[in-house]
Amino acid sequence: MAKQHRRFEPADKIKILREHLLDGRPLSEVCEKYSIAPTQFYQWQKTFFENGAAAFVPPKPGREYGLENKVKQLMVATGISRTWSELDPSRVKDLIQVVRSQEATPKVAPRVVCFVSV
C-alpha cells in the first residue's frame, strides 16, 4: 500500500518551527509529534529564513490594491458587516467592477451597488 503524503499549511509549518526554535522543545520530540523527518524540518527552516525578509517589505500600492481599498470603503458605506476575507470571491469581482465603472464615469451622483449573499 502506498504511503499517503500529507500537506502542511504554511501556518502549521511555522507552528512546528516555533515549537523547536522558540519554545525550545527537542527536535526529535517535535518531529515525532508531527510525524515528520528531521530533514523535512530543516528544509522548512531553510525556506523560512531565506524568505523571511519578505515579511518586512512594505506592500506596494498598485491598481488592485487601490481598488481593494475602494471596495472596502464601499462595504463600510453600505453597512456590509462581513469582513473582506468572508466575502464570496464572485461578489468581490462584482464590487470591483462597480468601482471600475465609477472611475470611468463622471462624478455626478455616486451610486453604490451592493451584492451580498446571505
Protein backbone atom coordinates (compact mmCIF):
# COMPACT_ATOMS: atom_id res chain seq x y z
CA MET A 1 0.00 0.00 0.00
CA ALA A 2 1.39 3.40 -1.00
CA LYS A 3 2.17 5.88 1.72
CA GLN A 4 -0.09 8.91 1.59
CA HIS A 5 1.65 12.29 1.52
CA ARG A 6 0.40 14.89 3.94
CA ARG A 7 0.33 18.56 3.13
CA PHE A 8 1.07 21.07 5.86
CA GLU A 9 -0.36 24.58 5.58
CA PRO A 10 2.14 27.44 5.94
CA ALA A 11 0.72 28.34 9.36
CA ASP A 12 1.23 24.75 10.52
CA LYS A 13 4.83 24.77 9.32
CA ILE A 14 5.51 27.97 11.26
CA LYS A 15 3.87 26.47 14.34
CA ILE A 16 6.15 23.43 14.09
CA LEU A 17 9.25 25.60 13.57
CA ARG A 18 8.23 27.76 16.53
CA GLU A 19 7.93 24.77 18.85
CA HIS A 20 11.59 23.92 18.35
CA LEU A 21 13.18 27.32 17.74
CA LEU A 22 11.32 29.47 20.27
CA ASP A 23 9.76 27.08 22.76
CA GLY A 24 12.95 25.01 22.96
CA ARG A 25 11.40 21.57 22.51
CA PRO A 26 13.90 18.98 21.29
CA LEU A 27 13.84 18.45 17.54
CA SER A 28 13.33 14.72 17.90
CA GLU A 29 10.25 15.32 20.06
CA VAL A 30 8.75 17.83 17.62
CA CYS A 31 9.39 15.57 14.63
CA GLU A 32 7.88 12.59 16.39
CA LYS A 33 4.81 14.58 17.45
CA TYR A 34 4.06 15.68 13.86
CA SER A 35 5.43 12.54 12.15
CA ILE A 36 7.95 14.40 10.04
CA ALA A 37 11.60 13.66 9.32
CA PRO A 38 14.27 16.00 10.71
CA THR A 39 15.38 16.68 7.13
CA GLN A 40 11.87 17.97 6.39
CA PHE A 41 12.08 20.26 9.41
CA TYR A 42 15.44 21.63 8.28
CA GLN A 43 14.13 22.21 4.75
CA TRP A 44 11.21 24.24 6.15
CA GLN A 45 13.60 26.15 8.38
CA LYS A 46 15.88 26.96 5.43
CA THR A 47 12.94 28.14 3.32
CA PHE A 48 11.58 30.19 6.20
CA PHE A 49 14.87 32.02 6.80
CA GLU A 50 15.58 32.53 3.10
CA ASN A 51 12.17 34.15 2.58
CA GLY A 52 11.96 35.88 5.94
CA ALA A 53 12.91 39.29 4.54
CA ALA A 54 9.69 39.32 2.51
CA ALA A 55 7.73 39.75 5.76
CA PHE A 56 9.35 43.16 6.27
CA VAL A 57 8.91 44.54 2.75
CA PRO A 58 6.12 47.13 2.71
CA PRO A 59 3.32 46.39 0.24
CA LYS A 60 3.47 48.35 -2.98
CA PRO A 61 0.19 50.14 -3.65
CA GLY A 62 -0.84 49.13 -7.13
CA ARG A 63 -4.06 49.44 -9.06
CA GLU A 64 -5.61 46.35 -7.48
CA TYR A 65 -4.58 47.49 -4.00
CA GLY A 66 -6.32 50.82 -4.63
CA LEU A 67 -9.41 49.05 -5.93
CA GLU A 68 -9.44 46.79 -2.89
CA ASN A 69 -9.41 49.83 -0.62
CA LYS A 70 -12.27 51.40 -2.57
CA VAL A 71 -14.28 48.19 -2.30
CA LYS A 72 -13.65 48.19 1.46
CA GLN A 73 -14.84 51.81 1.62
CA LEU A 74 -18.00 50.83 -0.28
CA MET A 75 -18.54 47.97 2.17
CA VAL A 76 -18.28 50.36 5.12
CA ALA A 77 -20.51 52.96 3.42
CA THR A 78 -23.21 50.39 2.68
CA GLY A 79 -23.01 48.71 6.08
CA ILE A 80 -21.81 45.31 4.93
CA SER A 81 -20.95 43.56 8.14
CA ARG A 82 -18.75 40.85 6.66
CA THR A 83 -15.01 41.16 6.63
CA TRP A 84 -13.07 41.26 3.38
CA SER A 85 -11.96 37.64 3.70
CA GLU A 86 -15.52 36.37 4.32
CA LEU A 87 -16.91 37.74 1.07
CA ASP A 88 -17.72 35.38 -1.75
CA PRO A 89 -15.00 35.86 -4.43
CA SER A 90 -17.56 36.20 -7.21
CA ARG A 91 -19.24 39.01 -5.27
CA VAL A 92 -15.90 40.75 -4.77
CA LYS A 93 -15.40 40.72 -8.53
CA ASP A 94 -18.83 42.35 -8.91
CA LEU A 95 -17.90 45.05 -6.40
CA ILE A 96 -14.60 45.69 -8.18
CA GLN A 97 -16.44 46.07 -11.49
CA VAL A 98 -18.74 48.62 -9.87
CA VAL A 99 -15.72 50.56 -8.58
CA ARG A 100 -14.05 50.45 -12.00
CA SER A 101 -17.22 51.64 -13.72
CA GLN A 102 -17.47 54.52 -11.23
CA GLU A 103 -13.89 55.51 -12.05
CA ALA A 104 -14.73 55.65 -15.74
CA THR A 105 -17.95 57.67 -15.36
CA PRO A 106 -18.13 61.36 -14.49
CA LYS A 107 -18.69 62.14 -10.80
CA VAL A 108 -22.33 63.24 -10.92
CA ALA A 109 -24.23 61.38 -8.23
CA PRO A 110 -22.39 58.42 -6.75
CA ARG A 111 -24.36 55.19 -6.79
CA VAL A 112 -23.44 52.32 -4.57
CA VAL A 113 -24.45 48.91 -5.72
CA CYS A 114 -24.04 46.14 -3.23
CA PHE A 115 -24.02 42.40 -3.91
CA VAL A 116 -24.17 40.37 -0.74
CA SER A 117 -25.22 36.76 -0.44
CA VAL A 118 -26.80 35.90 2.86
